[in-house]
Structures are given as C-alpha cells and as structure tokens.
C-alpha cells in the first residue's frame, strides 16, 4: 500500500531519479534530517538555475538576444 501512496504523491512526469523515498521506516529524527537535506538540495538547484539565468542575461547583453 505504501508504494501506491508514493505513486499518488509523485508528479506524473517526474524524473526517475526523483523517486519518492520510503518514509515509513524512518524515525522522526531521520525524517527531520531528510527534510533538511532536501531543502539544501533545493537551495543548491535554485542557486544553479539563478547562476545560469544571470550568465545567459550577460551573454544576451553582450551579443544580443537569440531568437
């Protein structure tokens, strides 16, 4: 049944590497650590996306916007 719950939570087009982790066996402390790790990974991904946007904006300012 837990697998069905995971399938309901996972977005339809989510990548395979983003598979939900089984949470039933984790303690409250482990769940807290897992949440902190996920938040850190989200912040890292957001920073990388922002850096790419800034890089692209700099290139477009230098060479003009590509259609």
N, C-alpha and C. Protein backbone atom coordinates (compact mmCIF):
# COMPACT_ATOMS: atom_id res chain seq x y z
N UNK A 1 0.81 -1.20 0.00
CA UNK A 1 0.00 0.00 0.00
C UNK A 1 0.86 1.26 0.00
N UNK A 2 1.98 1.22 0.67
CA UNK A 2 2.85 2.39 0.72
C UNK A 2 3.32 2.78 -0.68
N UNK A 3 3.57 1.81 -1.54
CA UNK A 3 4.02 2.10 -2.89
C UNK A 3 2.94 2.85 -3.67
N UNK A 4 1.68 2.47 -3.46
CA UNK A 4 0.58 3.18 -4.11
C UNK A 4 0.51 4.62 -3.64
N UNK A 5 0.76 4.84 -2.33
CA UNK A 5 0.78 6.20 -1.80
C UNK A 5 1.89 7.01 -2.44
N UNK A 6 3.07 6.38 -2.61
CA UNK A 6 4.18 7.06 -3.25
C UNK A 6 3.83 7.44 -4.69
N UNK A 7 3.18 6.55 -5.39
CA UNK A 7 2.78 6.83 -6.77
C UNK A 7 1.80 8.00 -6.83
N UNK A 8 0.92 8.10 -5.85
CA UNK A 8 -0.05 9.19 -5.83
C UNK A 8 0.64 10.53 -5.57
N UNK A 9 1.74 10.51 -4.82
CA UNK A 9 2.45 11.74 -4.47
C UNK A 9 3.36 12.20 -5.59
N UNK A 10 3.97 11.27 -6.32
CA UNK A 10 4.94 11.61 -7.36
C UNK A 10 4.24 12.24 -8.55
N UNK A 11 4.71 13.42 -8.99
CA UNK A 11 4.14 14.03 -10.19
C UNK A 11 4.27 13.09 -11.39
N UNK A 12 3.32 13.14 -12.28
CA UNK A 12 3.25 12.22 -13.41
C UNK A 12 4.52 12.21 -14.25
N UNK A 13 5.10 13.37 -14.50
CA UNK A 13 6.27 13.45 -15.38
C UNK A 13 7.58 13.61 -14.63
N UNK A 14 7.62 13.23 -13.35
CA UNK A 14 8.86 13.44 -12.59
C UNK A 14 9.93 12.46 -13.06
N UNK A 15 11.19 12.92 -13.04
CA UNK A 15 12.28 12.04 -13.48
C UNK A 15 12.44 10.84 -12.55
N UNK A 16 13.02 9.77 -13.07
CA UNK A 16 13.20 8.55 -12.29
C UNK A 16 14.09 8.80 -11.07
N UNK A 17 15.08 9.70 -11.17
CA UNK A 17 15.96 9.95 -10.04
C UNK A 17 15.26 10.67 -8.91
N UNK A 18 14.04 11.12 -9.18
CA UNK A 18 13.27 11.84 -8.17
C UNK A 18 12.22 10.93 -7.53
N UNK A 19 12.49 9.64 -7.53
CA UNK A 19 11.56 8.68 -6.93
C UNK A 19 11.37 8.99 -5.45
N UNK A 20 10.15 8.90 -4.96
CA UNK A 20 9.93 9.11 -3.52
C UNK A 20 10.65 8.04 -2.70
N UNK A 21 11.19 8.45 -1.60
CA UNK A 21 11.89 7.54 -0.71
C UNK A 21 10.89 6.96 0.28
N UNK A 22 10.97 5.67 0.60
CA UNK A 22 10.06 5.10 1.59
C UNK A 22 10.29 5.77 2.95
N UNK A 23 9.24 6.33 3.51
CA UNK A 23 9.38 7.10 4.74
C UNK A 23 8.91 6.36 5.98
N UNK A 24 8.22 5.26 5.80
CA UNK A 24 7.62 4.55 6.93
C UNK A 24 8.65 4.08 7.94
N UNK A 25 9.81 3.66 7.47
CA UNK A 25 10.83 3.08 8.35
C UNK A 25 11.70 4.14 9.02
N UNK A 26 11.58 5.40 8.62
CA UNK A 26 12.43 6.45 9.18
C UNK A 26 11.86 6.97 10.50
N UNK A 27 12.76 7.27 11.42
CA UNK A 27 12.35 7.86 12.70
C UNK A 27 12.05 9.34 12.49
N UNK A 28 11.52 9.96 13.51
CA UNK A 28 11.22 11.39 13.44
C UNK A 28 12.52 12.18 13.19
N UNK A 29 13.58 11.79 13.88
CA UNK A 29 14.87 12.47 13.70
C UNK A 29 15.39 12.27 12.27
N UNK A 30 15.28 11.06 11.76
CA UNK A 30 15.73 10.78 10.39
C UNK A 30 14.89 11.55 9.37
N UNK A 31 13.61 11.65 9.63
CA UNK A 31 12.75 12.44 8.73
C UNK A 31 13.17 13.90 8.75
N UNK A 32 13.49 14.42 9.92
CA UNK A 32 13.97 15.80 10.02
C UNK A 32 15.24 16.01 9.23
N UNK A 33 16.18 15.07 9.34
CA UNK A 33 17.43 15.15 8.59
C UNK A 33 17.17 15.06 7.09
N UNK A 34 16.24 14.21 6.71
CA UNK A 34 15.88 14.04 5.30
C UNK A 34 15.30 15.35 4.74
N UNK A 35 14.42 15.98 5.51
CA UNK A 35 13.83 17.24 5.09
C UNK A 35 14.91 18.31 4.94
N UNK A 36 15.83 18.38 5.90
CA UNK A 36 16.92 19.36 5.81
C UNK A 36 17.79 19.11 4.57
N UNK A 37 18.06 17.85 4.29
CA UNK A 37 18.86 17.51 3.11
C UNK A 37 18.13 17.91 1.82
N UNK A 38 16.82 17.66 1.78
CA UNK A 38 16.04 18.04 0.60
C UNK A 38 16.02 19.56 0.42
N UNK A 39 15.85 20.29 1.51
CA UNK A 39 15.85 21.75 1.44
C UNK A 39 17.20 22.27 0.95
N UNK A 40 18.28 21.65 1.42
CA UNK A 40 19.62 22.05 0.97
C UNK A 40 19.78 21.78 -0.53
N UNK A 41 19.26 20.65 -0.99
CA UNK A 41 19.35 20.32 -2.42
C UNK A 41 18.51 21.28 -3.25
N UNK A 42 17.34 21.65 -2.74
CA UNK A 42 16.50 22.64 -3.44
C UNK A 42 17.23 23.97 -3.55
N UNK A 43 17.84 24.42 -2.45
CA UNK A 43 18.58 25.68 -2.47
C UNK A 43 19.74 25.62 -3.47
N UNK A 44 20.42 24.47 -3.52
CA UNK A 44 21.52 24.30 -4.47
C UNK A 44 21.03 24.37 -5.91
N UNK A 45 19.90 23.72 -6.19
CA UNK A 45 19.33 23.74 -7.54
C UNK A 45 18.86 25.14 -7.91
N UNK A 46 18.23 25.84 -6.96
CA UNK A 46 17.78 27.20 -7.23
C UNK A 46 18.96 28.13 -7.50
N UNK A 47 20.05 27.96 -6.75
CA UNK A 47 21.24 28.79 -6.97
C UNK A 47 21.85 28.50 -8.34
N UNK A 48 21.88 27.24 -8.73
CA UNK A 48 22.41 26.89 -10.05
C UNK A 48 21.54 27.48 -11.17
N UNK A 49 20.23 27.42 -11.00
CA UNK A 49 19.32 27.98 -12.00
C UNK A 49 19.50 29.50 -12.09
N UNK A 50 19.64 30.15 -10.95
CA UNK A 50 19.84 31.60 -10.94
C UNK A 50 21.16 31.97 -11.61
N UNK A 51 22.20 31.20 -11.34
CA UNK A 51 23.50 31.46 -11.97
C UNK A 51 23.41 31.31 -13.48
N UNK A 52 22.68 30.32 -13.94
CA UNK A 52 22.52 30.12 -15.39
C UNK A 52 21.72 31.26 -16.01
N UNK A 53 20.69 31.73 -15.30
CA UNK A 53 19.91 32.88 -15.81
C UNK A 53 20.79 34.11 -15.92
N UNK A 54 21.61 34.35 -14.88
CA UNK A 54 22.49 35.52 -14.89
C UNK A 54 23.54 35.41 -16.00
N UNK A 55 24.07 34.21 -16.20
CA UNK A 55 25.05 34.00 -17.27
C UNK A 55 24.41 34.28 -18.63
N UNK A 56 23.22 33.74 -18.82
CA UNK A 56 22.53 33.95 -20.09
C UNK A 56 22.22 35.43 -20.32
N UNK A 57 21.78 36.11 -19.26
CA UNK A 57 21.49 37.54 -19.39
C UNK A 57 22.75 38.31 -19.77
N UNK A 58 23.89 37.92 -19.19
CA UNK A 58 25.14 38.58 -19.55
C UNK A 58 25.53 38.34 -21.00
N UNK A 59 25.36 37.11 -21.46
CA UNK A 59 25.66 36.79 -22.87
C UNK A 59 24.72 37.55 -23.80
N UNK A 60 23.44 37.59 -23.45
CA UNK A 60 22.48 38.31 -24.29
C UNK A 60 22.77 39.80 -24.32
N UNK A 61 23.24 40.36 -23.18
CA UNK A 61 23.58 41.77 -23.16
C UNK A 61 24.80 42.05 -24.03
N UNK A 62 25.69 41.09 -24.07
CA UNK A 62 26.91 41.27 -24.84
C UNK A 62 26.69 41.05 -26.34
N UNK A 63 25.96 39.99 -26.69
CA UNK A 63 25.80 39.62 -28.09
C UNK A 63 24.40 39.85 -28.65
N UNK A 64 23.45 40.21 -27.82
CA UNK A 64 22.09 40.38 -28.26
C UNK A 64 21.29 39.10 -28.02
N UNK A 65 20.00 39.24 -27.92
CA UNK A 65 19.15 38.11 -27.63
C UNK A 65 18.99 37.22 -28.85
N UNK A 66 19.13 35.91 -28.63
CA UNK A 66 18.98 34.92 -29.72
C UNK A 66 17.51 34.56 -29.83
N UNK A 67 17.00 34.54 -31.06
CA UNK A 67 15.58 34.18 -31.28
C UNK A 67 15.39 32.74 -31.33
